[in-house]
Amino acid sequence: MAVRMKLNAIVVYNVFISRKSDWRAIIGGQIAELRSYGLFEMAEFHIVVTCEGESDDVRAFIADQTD
């Protein structure tokens, strides 16, 4: 059985959202990969988003991916 320990670490994930790209697939894939490493359980995360236009849909998407 693997034992997960809490790291004394803070991860800052910066992302630029281009509305012309498939940003949901890109961000979803990156968050899934970080989760597969166990980082969400081991470190404190801060997510910084820069995007074109309104960001409510981006904020909701990231919240769903990180819960």
N, C-alpha and C. Protein backbone atom coordinates (compact mmCIF):
# COMPACT_ATOMS: atom_id res chain seq x y z
N MET A 1 0.84 -1.17 0.00
CA MET A 1 0.00 0.00 0.00
C MET A 1 0.89 1.24 0.00
N ALA A 2 0.59 2.17 -0.88
CA ALA A 2 1.36 3.42 -0.96
C ALA A 2 0.89 4.38 0.13
N VAL A 3 1.83 5.03 0.73
CA VAL A 3 1.52 6.01 1.77
C VAL A 3 1.82 7.39 1.19
N ARG A 4 0.83 8.27 1.23
CA ARG A 4 1.02 9.64 0.74
C ARG A 4 1.33 10.54 1.92
N MET A 5 2.37 11.32 1.78
CA MET A 5 2.71 12.26 2.84
C MET A 5 2.50 13.68 2.34
N LYS A 6 2.22 14.57 3.24
CA LYS A 6 2.04 15.98 2.90
C LYS A 6 3.41 16.62 2.76
N LEU A 7 3.67 17.19 1.59
CA LEU A 7 4.92 17.90 1.36
C LEU A 7 4.79 19.32 1.90
N ASN A 8 5.88 19.87 2.28
CA ASN A 8 5.90 21.28 2.66
C ASN A 8 6.18 22.06 1.38
N ALA A 9 5.19 22.06 0.47
CA ALA A 9 5.39 22.66 -0.85
C ALA A 9 4.15 23.41 -1.29
N ILE A 10 4.39 24.44 -2.07
CA ILE A 10 3.32 25.20 -2.71
C ILE A 10 3.58 25.15 -4.21
N VAL A 11 2.55 24.77 -4.95
CA VAL A 11 2.65 24.72 -6.40
C VAL A 11 1.81 25.87 -6.96
N VAL A 12 2.42 26.67 -7.82
CA VAL A 12 1.69 27.75 -8.50
C VAL A 12 1.56 27.34 -9.96
N TYR A 13 0.33 27.15 -10.38
CA TYR A 13 0.02 26.71 -11.75
C TYR A 13 -0.53 27.92 -12.49
N ASN A 14 0.22 28.42 -13.46
CA ASN A 14 -0.19 29.57 -14.26
C ASN A 14 -0.67 29.08 -15.61
N VAL A 15 -1.78 29.64 -16.07
CA VAL A 15 -2.32 29.23 -17.35
C VAL A 15 -2.87 30.44 -18.10
N PHE A 16 -2.61 30.47 -19.40
CA PHE A 16 -3.21 31.47 -20.27
C PHE A 16 -4.25 30.76 -21.12
N ILE A 17 -5.46 31.26 -21.10
CA ILE A 17 -6.55 30.66 -21.86
C ILE A 17 -6.77 31.46 -23.13
N SER A 18 -6.57 30.81 -24.25
CA SER A 18 -6.92 31.40 -25.55
C SER A 18 -8.27 30.82 -25.94
N ARG A 19 -9.23 31.67 -26.17
CA ARG A 19 -10.57 31.22 -26.54
C ARG A 19 -10.59 30.52 -27.90
N LYS A 20 -9.52 30.66 -28.67
CA LYS A 20 -9.44 30.03 -29.99
C LYS A 20 -8.94 28.59 -29.91
N SER A 21 -8.46 28.19 -28.73
CA SER A 21 -7.92 26.84 -28.58
C SER A 21 -8.93 25.94 -27.86
N ASP A 22 -8.62 24.66 -27.80
CA ASP A 22 -9.44 23.71 -27.04
C ASP A 22 -8.92 23.70 -25.60
N TRP A 23 -9.10 24.82 -24.93
CA TRP A 23 -8.50 25.02 -23.61
C TRP A 23 -9.02 24.03 -22.58
N ARG A 24 -10.26 23.59 -22.70
CA ARG A 24 -10.79 22.62 -21.72
C ARG A 24 -10.00 21.30 -21.79
N ALA A 25 -9.70 20.84 -22.98
CA ALA A 25 -8.93 19.60 -23.13
C ALA A 25 -7.51 19.78 -22.63
N ILE A 26 -6.92 20.92 -22.92
CA ILE A 26 -5.53 21.18 -22.50
C ILE A 26 -5.44 21.26 -20.99
N ILE A 27 -6.25 22.12 -20.38
CA ILE A 27 -6.21 22.31 -18.92
C ILE A 27 -6.67 21.04 -18.20
N GLY A 28 -7.73 20.42 -18.69
CA GLY A 28 -8.21 19.18 -18.08
C GLY A 28 -7.15 18.10 -18.08
N GLY A 29 -6.43 17.97 -19.20
CA GLY A 29 -5.36 16.98 -19.29
C GLY A 29 -4.20 17.29 -18.35
N GLN A 30 -3.83 18.55 -18.26
CA GLN A 30 -2.72 18.92 -17.37
C GLN A 30 -3.09 18.70 -15.91
N ILE A 31 -4.31 19.07 -15.53
CA ILE A 31 -4.74 18.87 -14.14
C ILE A 31 -4.84 17.38 -13.83
N ALA A 32 -5.35 16.58 -14.77
CA ALA A 32 -5.43 15.13 -14.56
C ALA A 32 -4.04 14.53 -14.36
N GLU A 33 -3.07 15.02 -15.13
CA GLU A 33 -1.71 14.51 -14.98
C GLU A 33 -1.12 14.88 -13.61
N LEU A 34 -1.32 16.12 -13.18
CA LEU A 34 -0.85 16.53 -11.85
C LEU A 34 -1.52 15.68 -10.76
N ARG A 35 -2.81 15.43 -10.93
CA ARG A 35 -3.54 14.60 -9.96
C ARG A 35 -2.98 13.17 -9.94
N SER A 36 -2.62 12.63 -11.12
CA SER A 36 -2.10 11.26 -11.18
C SER A 36 -0.78 11.10 -10.43
N TYR A 37 -0.04 12.18 -10.28
CA TYR A 37 1.21 12.16 -9.52
C TYR A 37 0.96 12.25 -8.02
N GLY A 38 -0.28 12.55 -7.63
CA GLY A 38 -0.61 12.70 -6.22
C GLY A 38 -0.32 14.08 -5.66
N LEU A 39 -0.02 15.03 -6.53
CA LEU A 39 0.37 16.35 -6.05
C LEU A 39 -0.75 17.10 -5.36
N PHE A 40 -2.01 16.87 -5.76
CA PHE A 40 -3.10 17.59 -5.12
C PHE A 40 -3.26 17.20 -3.66
N GLU A 41 -2.88 15.99 -3.33
CA GLU A 41 -2.96 15.53 -1.95
C GLU A 41 -1.72 15.90 -1.14
N MET A 42 -0.61 16.17 -1.84
CA MET A 42 0.66 16.36 -1.14
C MET A 42 1.11 17.81 -1.02
N ALA A 43 0.53 18.71 -1.78
CA ALA A 43 1.01 20.09 -1.79
C ALA A 43 -0.17 21.07 -1.83
N GLU A 44 0.11 22.28 -1.47
CA GLU A 44 -0.88 23.36 -1.56
C GLU A 44 -0.81 23.94 -2.97
N PHE A 45 -1.97 24.10 -3.62
CA PHE A 45 -2.03 24.59 -4.99
C PHE A 45 -2.62 25.98 -5.06
N HIS A 46 -2.02 26.80 -5.92
CA HIS A 46 -2.57 28.11 -6.27
C HIS A 46 -2.63 28.14 -7.79
N ILE A 47 -3.80 28.48 -8.33
CA ILE A 47 -3.97 28.50 -9.78
C ILE A 47 -4.21 29.94 -10.21
N VAL A 48 -3.40 30.40 -11.16
CA VAL A 48 -3.48 31.76 -11.69
C VAL A 48 -3.91 31.65 -13.15
N VAL A 49 -5.01 32.32 -13.48
CA VAL A 49 -5.56 32.24 -14.83
C VAL A 49 -5.53 33.61 -15.49
N THR A 50 -5.02 33.65 -16.70
CA THR A 50 -5.11 34.82 -17.56
C THR A 50 -5.89 34.38 -18.79
N CYS A 51 -6.94 35.13 -19.12
CA CYS A 51 -7.72 34.72 -20.27
C CYS A 51 -8.28 35.92 -21.00
N GLU A 52 -8.70 35.65 -22.21
CA GLU A 52 -9.33 36.66 -23.04
C GLU A 52 -10.81 36.73 -22.67
N GLY A 53 -11.30 37.88 -22.27
CA GLY A 53 -12.71 38.03 -21.94
C GLY A 53 -13.05 37.57 -20.53
N GLU A 54 -14.32 37.26 -20.33
CA GLU A 54 -14.82 36.84 -19.02
C GLU A 54 -14.21 35.50 -18.60
N SER A 55 -14.09 35.30 -17.30
CA SER A 55 -13.43 34.08 -16.82
C SER A 55 -14.33 33.19 -15.96
N ASP A 56 -15.62 33.51 -15.84
CA ASP A 56 -16.49 32.70 -14.98
C ASP A 56 -16.54 31.24 -15.41
N ASP A 57 -16.62 30.98 -16.72
CA ASP A 57 -16.66 29.60 -17.20
C ASP A 57 -15.34 28.89 -16.96
N VAL A 58 -14.24 29.62 -17.07
CA VAL A 58 -12.91 29.05 -16.80
C VAL A 58 -12.79 28.70 -15.32
N ARG A 59 -13.20 29.62 -14.47
CA ARG A 59 -13.15 29.39 -13.02
C ARG A 59 -13.98 28.17 -12.64
N ALA A 60 -15.19 28.06 -13.18
CA ALA A 60 -16.06 26.92 -12.88
C ALA A 60 -15.45 25.60 -13.37
N PHE A 61 -14.88 25.62 -14.56
CA PHE A 61 -14.26 24.41 -15.12
C PHE A 61 -13.10 23.95 -14.25
N ILE A 62 -12.23 24.86 -13.86
CA ILE A 62 -11.08 24.49 -13.04
C ILE A 62 -11.53 24.01 -11.66
N ALA A 63 -12.55 24.65 -11.10
CA ALA A 63 -13.08 24.20 -9.80
C ALA A 63 -13.60 22.76 -9.89
N ASP A 64 -14.29 22.45 -10.98
CA ASP A 64 -14.79 21.09 -11.18
C ASP A 64 -13.65 20.08 -11.32
N GLN A 65 -12.58 20.47 -11.99
CA GLN A 65 -11.44 19.58 -12.23
C GLN A 65 -10.61 19.34 -10.97
N THR A 66 -10.62 20.28 -10.05
CA THR A 66 -9.74 20.18 -8.87
C THR A 66 -10.47 19.74 -7.61
N ASP A 67 -11.77 19.50 -7.68
CA ASP A 67 -12.52 19.01 -6.49
C ASP A 67 -12.25 17.57 -6.23
